[in-house]
Amino acid sequence: MDRRWVGPEGLEIVPAVRAGQQVLRIRRHGWIVADCFSVEAVAMHVDLAELCEVVDFMGRTSSHHR
């Protein structure tokens, strides 16, 4: 399952790999803002309290896709 966190104003944080190391990639409206090697580094760019984790319920279908 992919993990991602979203926030206000088009903010999105997703795990990524940069130069062979895992990072937390910060994007705003699809544009890369920063690749952070720690949660502390992410906190320098965004307010962590404003983030919500997006949970994908595998195997569950939406009622309007039936």
Protein backbone atom coordinates (compact mmCIF):
# COMPACT_ATOMS: atom_id res chain seq x y z
CA MET A 1 0.00 0.00 0.00
CA ASP A 2 1.31 3.43 -0.94
CA ARG A 3 1.43 6.01 1.82
CA ARG A 4 0.94 9.72 1.41
CA TRP A 5 -0.05 12.70 3.46
CA VAL A 6 -1.93 15.75 2.24
CA GLY A 7 -2.37 19.23 3.62
CA PRO A 8 -3.82 22.60 2.70
CA GLU A 9 -3.10 24.49 -0.51
CA GLY A 10 -2.24 21.44 -2.62
CA LEU A 11 0.38 20.07 -0.25
CA GLU A 12 1.33 16.40 -0.60
CA ILE A 13 4.10 14.34 0.99
CA VAL A 14 5.06 10.97 -0.49
CA PRO A 15 7.90 8.51 0.08
CA ALA A 16 10.45 8.53 -2.75
CA VAL A 17 14.01 7.41 -3.49
CA ARG A 18 16.74 9.94 -4.27
CA ALA A 19 20.34 8.90 -4.91
CA GLY A 20 19.57 5.46 -3.48
CA GLN A 21 18.17 6.81 -0.19
CA GLN A 22 14.57 6.98 0.91
CA VAL A 23 13.24 10.51 1.29
CA LEU A 24 9.96 12.21 2.05
CA ARG A 25 9.14 14.26 -1.04
CA ILE A 26 7.17 17.44 -0.49
CA ARG A 27 5.05 18.59 -3.43
CA ARG A 28 2.72 21.55 -3.74
CA HIS A 29 0.22 21.45 -6.60
CA GLY A 30 2.35 18.68 -8.15
CA TRP A 31 5.62 20.64 -8.11
CA ILE A 32 8.52 19.28 -6.03
CA VAL A 33 9.34 21.61 -3.14
CA ALA A 34 11.93 19.50 -1.30
CA ASP A 35 13.23 15.99 -0.66
CA CYS A 36 13.69 15.51 3.09
CA PHE A 37 15.71 12.80 4.81
CA SER A 38 13.82 13.10 8.11
CA VAL A 39 10.47 14.13 9.56
CA GLU A 40 12.27 16.99 11.30
CA ALA A 41 13.34 18.30 7.89
CA VAL A 42 9.73 18.06 6.65
CA ALA A 43 8.65 20.10 9.69
CA MET A 44 10.93 22.92 8.54
CA HIS A 45 8.74 23.25 5.41
CA VAL A 46 5.24 22.44 6.65
CA ASP A 47 3.17 22.37 9.82
CA LEU A 48 2.91 18.65 10.59
CA ALA A 49 -0.34 19.20 12.50
CA GLU A 50 -2.05 20.18 9.23
CA LEU A 51 -1.26 16.86 7.51
CA CYS A 52 -3.73 14.01 7.04
CA GLU A 53 -2.67 10.53 5.98
CA VAL A 54 -4.57 9.22 2.97
CA VAL A 55 -5.71 5.65 3.57
CA ASP A 56 -6.59 3.52 0.57
CA PHE A 57 -9.06 0.77 1.43
CA MET A 58 -8.04 -2.01 -0.94
CA GLY A 59 -10.87 -4.11 -2.34
CA ARG A 60 -13.53 -1.57 -1.49
CA THR A 61 -15.46 -0.07 -4.38
CA SER A 62 -17.22 3.24 -4.44
CA SER A 63 -21.01 3.15 -4.80
CA HIS A 64 -20.92 5.31 -7.93
CA HIS A 65 -18.50 2.93 -9.75
CA ARG A 66 -20.91 -0.02 -9.75
